[in-house]
Amino acid sequence: MECELVEIVNTENVFGIVGKIVNVKADEKVLDEKGKVDVMKLQALSFDQFRNDYYVTDKKVAKAFSV
């Protein structure tokens, strides 16, 4: 994702960077037949800062707005 800096938030308790997404690129290997990113193919890596663990997304657990 290509982002544009919108704002830097710096308070006593938090430091954050707010960005606006201006462009998104993906390898064709992770796209579905409609050209959309397929998260099962993407297998995104995420970090859990509370457990200091990494996870790979590759399992659907529920349909949005139906559970």
PDB file of N, CA and C in Angstrom:
ATOM      1  N   MET A   1       0.829  -1.171   0.000  1.00  0.00           N
ATOM      2  CA  MET A   1       0.000   0.000   0.000  1.00  0.00           C
ATOM      3  C   MET A   1       0.880   1.243   0.000  1.00  0.00           C
ATOM      4  N   GLU A   2       0.512   2.152  -0.835  1.00  0.00           N
ATOM      5  CA  GLU A   2       1.185   3.445  -0.875  1.00  0.00           C
ATOM      6  C   GLU A   2       0.289   4.431  -0.138  1.00  0.00           C
ATOM      7  N   CYS A   3       0.865   5.107   0.857  1.00  0.00           N
ATOM      8  CA  CYS A   3       0.077   6.022   1.686  1.00  0.00           C
ATOM      9  C   CYS A   3       0.629   7.438   1.627  1.00  0.00           C
ATOM     10  N   GLU A   4      -0.245   8.366   1.943  1.00  0.00           N
ATOM     11  CA  GLU A   4       0.090   9.782   2.029  1.00  0.00           C
ATOM     12  C   GLU A   4      -0.100  10.185   3.490  1.00  0.00           C
ATOM     13  N   LEU A   5       0.867  10.866   4.065  1.00  0.00           N
ATOM     14  CA  LEU A   5       0.767  11.299   5.451  1.00  0.00           C
ATOM     15  C   LEU A   5      -0.339  12.327   5.602  1.00  0.00           C
ATOM     16  N   VAL A   6      -1.269  12.059   6.527  1.00  0.00           N
ATOM     17  CA  VAL A   6      -2.366  12.982   6.788  1.00  0.00           C
ATOM     18  C   VAL A   6      -2.124  13.737   8.088  1.00  0.00           C
ATOM     19  N   GLU A   7      -1.701  12.987   9.120  1.00  0.00           N
ATOM     20  CA  GLU A   7      -1.573  13.617  10.432  1.00  0.00           C
ATOM     21  C   GLU A   7      -0.658  12.783  11.324  1.00  0.00           C
ATOM     22  N   ILE A   8       0.062  13.445  12.192  1.00  0.00           N
ATOM     23  CA  ILE A   8       0.819  12.773  13.242  1.00  0.00           C
ATOM     24  C   ILE A   8       0.164  13.154  14.561  1.00  0.00           C
ATOM     25  N   VAL A   9      -0.259  12.136  15.301  1.00  0.00           N
ATOM     26  CA  VAL A   9      -0.920  12.339  16.587  1.00  0.00           C
ATOM     27  C   VAL A   9       0.101  12.017  17.671  1.00  0.00           C
ATOM     28  N   ASN A  10       0.401  12.989  18.514  1.00  0.00           N
ATOM     29  CA  ASN A  10       1.386  12.788  19.567  1.00  0.00           C
ATOM     30  C   ASN A  10       0.825  13.371  20.855  1.00  0.00           C
ATOM     31  N   THR A  11       0.364  12.477  21.734  1.00  0.00           N
ATOM     32  CA  THR A  11      -0.174  12.910  23.022  1.00  0.00           C
ATOM     33  C   THR A  11       0.663  12.295  24.130  1.00  0.00           C
ATOM     34  N   GLU A  12       0.239  12.502  25.351  1.00  0.00           N
ATOM     35  CA  GLU A  12       0.954  11.946  26.503  1.00  0.00           C
ATOM     36  C   GLU A  12       0.954  10.407  26.468  1.00  0.00           C
ATOM     37  N   ASN A  13      -0.121   9.818  25.946  1.00  0.00           N
ATOM     38  CA  ASN A  13      -0.270   8.360  26.001  1.00  0.00           C
ATOM     39  C   ASN A  13      -0.119   7.644  24.669  1.00  0.00           C
ATOM     40  N   VAL A  14      -0.104   8.369  23.585  1.00  0.00           N
ATOM     41  CA  VAL A  14      -0.092   7.687  22.288  1.00  0.00           C
ATOM     42  C   VAL A  14       0.683   8.488  21.253  1.00  0.00           C
ATOM     43  N   PHE A  15       1.345   7.759  20.370  1.00  0.00           N
ATOM     44  CA  PHE A  15       1.967   8.364  19.205  1.00  0.00           C
ATOM     45  C   PHE A  15       1.430   7.599  18.013  1.00  0.00           C
ATOM     46  N   GLY A  16       0.793   8.272  17.115  1.00  0.00           N
ATOM     47  CA  GLY A  16       0.212   7.595  15.967  1.00  0.00           C
ATOM     48  C   GLY A  16       0.419   8.363  14.685  1.00  0.00           C
ATOM     49  N   ILE A  17       0.436   7.617  13.615  1.00  0.00           N
ATOM     50  CA  ILE A  17       0.564   8.202  12.279  1.00  0.00           C
ATOM     51  C   ILE A  17      -0.696   7.847  11.512  1.00  0.00           C
ATOM     52  N   VAL A  18      -1.366   8.846  10.968  1.00  0.00           N
ATOM     53  CA  VAL A  18      -2.580   8.638  10.185  1.00  0.00           C
ATOM     54  C   VAL A  18      -2.230   8.854   8.728  1.00  0.00           C
ATOM     55  N   GLY A  19      -2.580   7.876   7.913  1.00  0.00           N
ATOM     56  CA  GLY A  19      -2.275   7.970   6.499  1.00  0.00           C
ATOM     57  C   GLY A  19      -3.495   7.736   5.639  1.00  0.00           C
ATOM     58  N   LYS A  20      -3.430   8.198   4.427  1.00  0.00           N
ATOM     59  CA  LYS A  20      -4.485   7.994   3.431  1.00  0.00           C
ATOM     60  C   LYS A  20      -3.912   7.059   2.375  1.00  0.00           C
ATOM     61  N   ILE A  21      -4.600   5.947   2.111  1.00  0.00           N
ATOM     62  CA  ILE A  21      -4.137   5.013   1.096  1.00  0.00           C
ATOM     63  C   ILE A  21      -4.392   5.628  -0.274  1.00  0.00           C
ATOM     64  N   VAL A  22      -3.338   5.743  -1.069  1.00  0.00           N
ATOM     65  CA  VAL A  22      -3.470   6.356  -2.396  1.00  0.00           C
ATOM     66  C   VAL A  22      -3.243   5.356  -3.531  1.00  0.00           C
ATOM     67  N   ASN A  23      -2.672   4.180  -3.205  1.00  0.00           N
ATOM     68  CA  ASN A  23      -2.447   3.173  -4.240  1.00  0.00           C
ATOM     69  C   ASN A  23      -2.250   1.820  -3.571  1.00  0.00           C
ATOM     70  N   VAL A  24      -2.750   0.776  -4.212  1.00  0.00           N
ATOM     71  CA  VAL A  24      -2.583  -0.586  -3.708  1.00  0.00           C
ATOM     72  C   VAL A  24      -2.121  -1.470  -4.861  1.00  0.00           C
ATOM     73  N   LYS A  25      -1.109  -2.285  -4.596  1.00  0.00           N
ATOM     74  CA  LYS A  25      -0.611  -3.219  -5.604  1.00  0.00           C
ATOM     75  C   LYS A  25      -0.560  -4.601  -4.986  1.00  0.00           C
ATOM     76  N   ALA A  26      -0.808  -5.629  -5.827  1.00  0.00           N
ATOM     77  CA  ALA A  26      -0.739  -7.010  -5.350  1.00  0.00           C
ATOM     78  C   ALA A  26      -0.218  -7.903  -6.464  1.00  0.00           C
ATOM     79  N   ASP A  27       0.537  -8.897  -6.083  1.00  0.00           N
ATOM     80  CA  ASP A  27       1.021  -9.894  -7.034  1.00  0.00           C
ATOM     81  C   ASP A  27      -0.178 -10.657  -7.576  1.00  0.00           C
ATOM     82  N   GLU A  28      -0.187 -10.953  -8.854  1.00  0.00           N
ATOM     83  CA  GLU A  28      -1.310 -11.649  -9.481  1.00  0.00           C
ATOM     84  C   GLU A  28      -1.576 -13.013  -8.845  1.00  0.00           C
ATOM     85  N   LYS A  29      -0.565 -13.598  -8.206  1.00  0.00           N
ATOM     86  CA  LYS A  29      -0.728 -14.909  -7.568  1.00  0.00           C
ATOM     87  C   LYS A  29      -1.725 -14.882  -6.412  1.00  0.00           C
ATOM     88  N   VAL A  30      -2.000 -13.702  -5.841  1.00  0.00           N
ATOM     89  CA  VAL A  30      -2.915 -13.628  -4.692  1.00  0.00           C
ATOM     90  C   VAL A  30      -4.292 -13.089  -5.085  1.00  0.00           C
ATOM     91  N   LEU A  31      -4.545 -12.940  -6.385  1.00  0.00           N
ATOM     92  CA  LEU A  31      -5.833 -12.422  -6.846  1.00  0.00           C
ATOM     93  C   LEU A  31      -6.782 -13.562  -7.192  1.00  0.00           C
ATOM     94  N   ASP A  32      -8.089 -13.302  -7.017  1.00  0.00           N
ATOM     95  CA  ASP A  32      -9.091 -14.279  -7.426  1.00  0.00           C
ATOM     96  C   ASP A  32      -9.471 -14.039  -8.889  1.00  0.00           C
ATOM     97  N   GLU A  33     -10.467 -14.758  -9.357  1.00  0.00           N
ATOM     98  CA  GLU A  33     -10.859 -14.667 -10.768  1.00  0.00           C
ATOM     99  C   GLU A  33     -11.463 -13.310 -11.129  1.00  0.00           C
ATOM    100  N   LYS A  34     -11.862 -12.515 -10.118  1.00  0.00           N
ATOM    101  CA  LYS A  34     -12.415 -11.178 -10.365  1.00  0.00           C
ATOM    102  C   LYS A  34     -11.361 -10.082 -10.196  1.00  0.00           C
ATOM    103  N   GLY A  35     -10.123 -10.479  -9.906  1.00  0.00           N
ATOM    104  CA  GLY A  35      -9.062  -9.495  -9.731  1.00  0.00           C
ATOM    105  C   GLY A  35      -8.987  -8.911  -8.338  1.00  0.00           C
ATOM    106  N   LYS A  36      -9.720  -9.489  -7.399  1.00  0.00           N
ATOM    107  CA  LYS A  36      -9.698  -9.020  -6.006  1.00  0.00           C
ATOM    108  C   LYS A  36      -8.710  -9.860  -5.210  1.00  0.00           C
ATOM    109  N   VAL A  37      -8.129  -9.277  -4.155  1.00  0.00           N
ATOM    110  CA  VAL A  37      -7.197 -10.014  -3.307  1.00  0.00           C
ATOM    111  C   VAL A  37      -7.952 -11.125  -2.584  1.00  0.00           C
ATOM    112  N   ASP A  38      -7.445 -12.342  -2.689  1.00  0.00           N
ATOM    113  CA  ASP A  38      -7.996 -13.506  -1.999  1.00  0.00           C
ATOM    114  C   ASP A  38      -7.163 -13.718  -0.743  1.00  0.00           C
ATOM    115  N   VAL A  39      -7.737 -13.455   0.443  1.00  0.00           N
ATOM    116  CA  VAL A  39      -6.965 -13.523   1.691  1.00  0.00           C
ATOM    117  C   VAL A  39      -6.443 -14.924   1.973  1.00  0.00           C
ATOM    118  N   MET A  40      -7.107 -15.946   1.444  1.00  0.00           N
ATOM    119  CA  MET A  40      -6.621 -17.311   1.631  1.00  0.00           C
ATOM    120  C   MET A  40      -5.306 -17.512   0.863  1.00  0.00           C
ATOM    121  N   LYS A  41      -5.178 -16.886  -0.304  1.00  0.00           N
ATOM    122  CA  LYS A  41      -3.941 -16.963  -1.086  1.00  0.00           C
ATOM    123  C   LYS A  41      -2.881 -16.017  -0.522  1.00  0.00           C
ATOM    124  N   LEU A  42      -3.322 -14.891   0.016  1.00  0.00           N
ATOM    125  CA  LEU A  42      -2.409 -13.874   0.527  1.00  0.00           C
ATOM    126  C   LEU A  42      -1.641 -14.364   1.743  1.00  0.00           C
ATOM    127  N   GLN A  43      -2.331 -15.037   2.644  1.00  0.00           N
ATOM    128  CA  GLN A  43      -1.741 -15.512   3.889  1.00  0.00           C
ATOM    129  C   GLN A  43      -0.971 -14.397   4.587  1.00  0.00           C
ATOM    130  N   ALA A  44      -1.691 -13.342   4.920  1.00  0.00           N
ATOM    131  CA  ALA A  44      -1.089 -12.163   5.548  1.00  0.00           C
ATOM    132  C   ALA A  44      -0.450 -12.503   6.894  1.00  0.00           C
ATOM    133  N   LEU A  45       0.687 -11.908   7.149  1.00  0.00           N
ATOM    134  CA  LEU A  45       1.403 -12.087   8.402  1.00  0.00           C
ATOM    135  C   LEU A  45       1.005 -10.959   9.346  1.00  0.00           C
ATOM    136  N   SER A  46       0.640 -11.323  10.581  1.00  0.00           N
ATOM    137  CA  SER A  46       0.310 -10.301  11.572  1.00  0.00           C
ATOM    138  C   SER A  46       1.081 -10.570  12.862  1.00  0.00           C
ATOM    139  N   PHE A  47       1.282  -9.525  13.627  1.00  0.00           N
ATOM    140  CA  PHE A  47       2.044  -9.600  14.873  1.00  0.00           C
ATOM    141  C   PHE A  47       1.129  -9.284  16.038  1.00  0.00           C
ATOM    142  N   ASP A  48       1.132 -10.130  17.050  1.00  0.00           N
ATOM    143  CA  ASP A  48       0.372  -9.924  18.280  1.00  0.00           C
ATOM    144  C   ASP A  48       1.333  -9.361  19.317  1.00  0.00           C
ATOM    145  N   GLN A  49       1.220  -8.064  19.565  1.00  0.00           N
ATOM    146  CA  GLN A  49       2.164  -7.412  20.477  1.00  0.00           C
ATOM    147  C   GLN A  49       1.975  -7.813  21.927  1.00  0.00           C
ATOM    148  N   PHE A  50       0.831  -8.392  22.284  1.00  0.00           N
ATOM    149  CA  PHE A  50       0.582  -8.782  23.664  1.00  0.00           C
ATOM    150  C   PHE A  50       1.196 -10.152  23.981  1.00  0.00           C
ATOM    151  N   ARG A  51       1.271 -11.025  22.978  1.00  0.00           N
ATOM    152  CA  ARG A  51       1.854 -12.357  23.161  1.00  0.00           C
ATOM    153  C   ARG A  51       3.224 -12.484  22.483  1.00  0.00           C
ATOM    154  N   ASN A  52       3.612 -11.464  21.739  1.00  0.00           N
ATOM    155  CA  ASN A  52       4.868 -11.482  20.978  1.00  0.00           C
ATOM    156  C   ASN A  52       4.931 -12.679  20.026  1.00  0.00           C
ATOM    157  N   ASP A  53       3.825 -12.917  19.325  1.00  0.00           N
ATOM    158  CA  ASP A  53       3.736 -14.014  18.368  1.00  0.00           C
ATOM    159  C   ASP A  53       3.338 -13.494  17.000  1.00  0.00           C
ATOM    160  N   TYR A  54       3.687 -14.264  15.972  1.00  0.00           N
ATOM    161  CA  TYR A  54       3.282 -13.965  14.603  1.00  0.00           C
ATOM    162  C   TYR A  54       2.239 -14.983  14.167  1.00  0.00           C
ATOM    163  N   TYR A  55       1.303 -14.539  13.335  1.00  0.00           N
ATOM    164  CA  TYR A  55       0.239 -15.408  12.826  1.00  0.00           C
ATOM    165  C   TYR A  55       0.096 -15.205  11.322  1.00  0.00           C
ATOM    166  N   VAL A  56      -0.298 -16.259  10.644  1.00  0.00           N
ATOM    167  CA  VAL A  56      -0.586 -16.185   9.222  1.00  0.00           C
ATOM    168  C   VAL A  56      -2.078 -16.410   9.035  1.00  0.00           C
ATOM    169  N   THR A  57      -2.720 -15.502   8.297  1.00  0.00           N
ATOM    170  CA  THR A  57      -4.146 -15.599   8.045  1.00  0.00           C
ATOM    171  C   THR A  57      -4.397 -16.543   6.890  1.00  0.00           C
ATOM    172  N   ASP A  58      -5.087 -17.640   7.180  1.00  0.00           N
ATOM    173  CA  ASP A  58      -5.420 -18.565   6.098  1.00  0.00           C
ATOM    174  C   ASP A  58      -6.659 -19.390   6.412  1.00  0.00           C
ATOM    175  N   LYS A  59      -7.466 -18.911   7.367  1.00  0.00           N
ATOM    176  CA  LYS A  59      -8.647 -19.668   7.758  1.00  0.00           C
ATOM    177  C   LYS A  59      -9.837 -18.724   7.938  1.00  0.00           C
ATOM    178  N   LYS A  60     -10.927 -19.000   7.241  1.00  0.00           N
ATOM    179  CA  LYS A  60     -12.151 -18.217   7.421  1.00  0.00           C
ATOM    180  C   LYS A  60     -12.846 -18.725   8.672  1.00  0.00           C
ATOM    181  N   VAL A  61     -13.225 -17.798   9.547  1.00  0.00           N
ATOM    182  CA  VAL A  61     -13.875 -18.199  10.794  1.00  0.00           C
ATOM    183  C   VAL A  61     -15.350 -17.818  10.861  1.00  0.00           C
ATOM    184  N   ALA A  62     -15.776 -16.835  10.085  1.00  0.00           N
ATOM    185  CA  ALA A  62     -17.183 -16.425  10.085  1.00  0.00           C
ATOM    186  C   ALA A  62     -17.460 -15.467   8.936  1.00  0.00           C
ATOM    187  N   LYS A  63     -18.714 -15.340   8.580  1.00  0.00           N
ATOM    188  CA  LYS A  63     -19.167 -14.390   7.561  1.00  0.00           C
ATOM    189  C   LYS A  63     -19.500 -13.083   8.271  1.00  0.00           C
ATOM    190  N   ALA A  64     -18.992 -11.983   7.758  1.00  0.00           N
ATOM    191  CA  ALA A  64     -19.237 -10.675   8.386  1.00  0.00           C
ATOM    192  C   ALA A  64     -20.734 -10.369   8.478  1.00  0.00           C
ATOM    193  N   PHE A  65     -21.118  -9.777   9.578  1.00  0.00           N
ATOM    194  CA  PHE A  65     -22.483  -9.326   9.853  1.00  0.00           C
ATOM    195  C   PHE A  65     -23.486 -10.467   9.977  1.00  0.00           C
ATOM    196  N   SER A  66     -23.007 -11.718  10.152  1.00  0.00           N
ATOM    197  CA  SER A  66     -23.957 -12.824  10.287  1.00  0.00           C
ATOM    198  C   SER A  66     -23.749 -13.619  11.573  1.00  0.00           C
ATOM    199  N   VAL A  67     -22.808 -13.219  12.399  1.00  0.00           N
ATOM    200  CA  VAL A  67     -22.580 -13.921  13.663  1.00  0.00           C
ATOM    201  C   VAL A  67     -22.789 -12.976  14.822  1.00  0.00           C
TER     202      VAL A  67
END
